[in-house]
Amino acid sequence: MQTVVIVVVAVFFLGMGVFGLVAPAALIRPFRMIADSAEARSEVRAVYGGFGVAVGGLLLMALADVGGIRAGVVVTVAVSLLGMAFGRLVGRAVERPAAFYPVWCYFWVEAAAAGALLAGLG
């Protein structure tokens, strides 16, 4: 079961990453952000694109447990997802998102993915 969870989370990151590399302005549009300069699009490509592809690739490498990295990668990605979810909670304490999507939708995706990754370690 943990293999399925790792693959699903890897596909999520790879999908976000490729989308961020190919269409950075479209990726951030649901957050009402505008990537109206080369610098802004470059930042989105780096943070959402490059990071997403790297994490997704690392999760796929973890499946093979190359060098015994599986547990460490799973914990690291899970903690990163919890950090993202925590950031959304801080945002909620400071400001109120107008709707469930995108902020709360991604909060639940991040929290569920982190929980599923960590549950598979036991």
Protein backbone atom coordinates (compact mmCIF):
# COMPACT_ATOMS: atom_id res chain seq x y z
CA MET A 1 0.00 0.00 0.00
CA GLN A 2 2.83 2.42 0.77
CA THR A 3 4.07 1.96 -2.80
CA VAL A 4 0.71 3.16 -4.14
CA VAL A 5 0.76 6.20 -1.84
CA ILE A 6 4.31 7.10 -2.88
CA VAL A 7 3.38 6.80 -6.57
CA VAL A 8 0.26 8.95 -6.13
CA VAL A 9 2.18 11.68 -4.27
CA ALA A 10 5.01 11.49 -6.82
CA VAL A 11 2.54 11.90 -9.69
CA PHE A 12 0.99 14.89 -7.91
CA PHE A 13 4.39 16.58 -7.55
CA LEU A 14 5.47 15.67 -11.09
CA GLY A 15 2.20 16.99 -12.51
CA MET A 16 2.46 20.24 -10.57
CA GLY A 17 6.11 20.52 -11.53
CA VAL A 18 5.63 20.02 -15.25
CA PHE A 19 2.63 22.37 -15.25
CA GLY A 20 4.72 24.97 -13.38
CA LEU A 21 7.53 24.68 -15.91
CA VAL A 22 5.27 24.82 -18.96
CA ALA A 23 2.56 27.27 -17.85
CA PRO A 24 3.69 29.20 -14.75
CA ALA A 25 1.12 31.98 -15.07
CA ALA A 26 -1.74 29.47 -15.38
CA LEU A 27 -0.54 27.51 -12.36
CA ILE A 28 -0.78 30.46 -9.98
CA ARG A 29 -3.90 32.06 -11.48
CA PRO A 30 -6.32 30.27 -9.07
CA PHE A 31 -4.50 32.04 -6.22
CA ARG A 32 -5.20 35.40 -7.88
CA MET A 33 -1.49 35.87 -8.48
CA ILE A 34 -0.18 37.35 -11.71
CA ALA A 35 3.12 36.33 -13.26
CA ASP A 36 3.49 39.42 -15.43
CA SER A 37 7.25 39.46 -15.85
CA ALA A 38 10.01 37.08 -16.86
CA GLU A 39 11.32 37.21 -13.28
CA ALA A 40 7.96 36.24 -11.80
CA ARG A 41 7.49 33.35 -14.25
CA SER A 42 11.06 32.22 -13.55
CA GLU A 43 10.29 32.13 -9.82
CA VAL A 44 7.16 30.05 -10.37
CA ARG A 45 9.10 27.71 -12.65
CA ALA A 46 11.77 27.31 -9.96
CA VAL A 47 9.58 26.90 -6.87
CA TYR A 48 6.59 25.06 -8.31
CA GLY A 49 8.17 23.59 -11.42
CA GLY A 50 11.71 22.57 -10.60
CA PHE A 51 10.98 21.71 -6.99
CA GLY A 52 7.91 19.66 -7.93
CA VAL A 53 9.79 17.66 -10.55
CA ALA A 54 12.69 17.10 -8.14
CA VAL A 55 10.45 15.89 -5.30
CA GLY A 56 8.43 13.67 -7.62
CA GLY A 57 11.61 12.17 -9.05
CA LEU A 58 13.05 11.63 -5.59
CA LEU A 59 9.88 9.83 -4.50
CA LEU A 60 10.16 7.54 -7.52
CA MET A 61 13.79 6.84 -6.62
CA ALA A 62 12.63 6.06 -3.08
CA LEU A 63 10.44 3.28 -4.47
CA ALA A 64 13.59 1.41 -5.45
CA ASP A 65 15.08 2.24 -2.04
CA VAL A 66 18.35 3.20 -3.74
CA GLY A 67 20.95 3.39 -0.99
CA GLY A 68 18.31 2.82 1.69
CA ILE A 69 16.73 6.26 1.14
CA ARG A 70 13.05 5.28 1.15
CA ALA A 71 12.15 6.08 4.75
CA GLY A 72 14.17 9.29 4.80
CA VAL A 73 12.63 10.56 1.57
CA VAL A 74 9.12 9.68 2.71
CA VAL A 75 9.55 11.48 6.04
CA THR A 76 11.14 14.51 4.38
CA VAL A 77 8.38 14.88 1.81
CA ALA A 78 5.68 14.30 4.44
CA VAL A 79 7.17 16.97 6.72
CA SER A 80 7.42 19.34 3.75
CA LEU A 81 3.74 18.78 2.99
CA LEU A 82 2.86 19.38 6.64
CA GLY A 83 4.86 22.60 6.49
CA MET A 84 2.84 23.72 3.49
CA ALA A 85 -0.42 22.86 5.26
CA PHE A 86 0.78 24.71 8.36
CA GLY A 87 1.50 27.78 6.24
CA ARG A 88 -2.10 27.68 5.04
CA LEU A 89 -3.30 27.53 8.67
CA VAL A 90 -1.19 30.58 9.49
CA GLY A 91 -2.71 32.30 6.47
CA ARG A 92 -6.17 31.41 7.81
CA ALA A 93 -5.34 32.93 11.18
CA VAL A 94 -4.24 36.17 9.53
CA GLU A 95 -6.68 36.35 6.61
CA ARG A 96 -9.78 34.56 5.44
CA PRO A 97 -9.68 32.89 2.01
CA ALA A 98 -12.79 33.72 0.00
CA ALA A 99 -13.62 30.13 -0.98
CA PHE A 100 -12.73 26.47 -0.40
CA TYR A 101 -10.71 26.31 -3.62
CA PRO A 102 -7.80 26.71 -3.93
CA VAL A 103 -6.47 27.30 -0.40
CA TRP A 104 -8.49 24.78 1.63
CA CYS A 105 -8.54 22.24 -1.16
CA TYR A 106 -4.74 22.16 -1.19
CA PHE A 107 -4.58 22.22 2.61
CA TRP A 108 -6.52 18.95 2.71
CA VAL A 109 -4.54 17.43 -0.16
CA GLU A 110 -1.27 18.27 1.62
CA ALA A 111 -2.45 17.04 5.01
CA ALA A 112 -3.89 13.81 3.59
CA ALA A 113 -0.80 13.09 1.50
CA ALA A 114 1.48 13.68 4.50
CA GLY A 115 -0.65 11.45 6.71
CA ALA A 116 -0.76 8.69 4.10
CA LEU A 117 3.02 8.82 3.60
CA LEU A 118 3.70 8.69 7.34
CA ALA A 119 1.10 5.96 7.96
CA GLY A 120 2.93 3.70 5.55
CA LEU A 121 6.14 3.85 7.58
CA GLY A 122 4.74 1.96 10.55
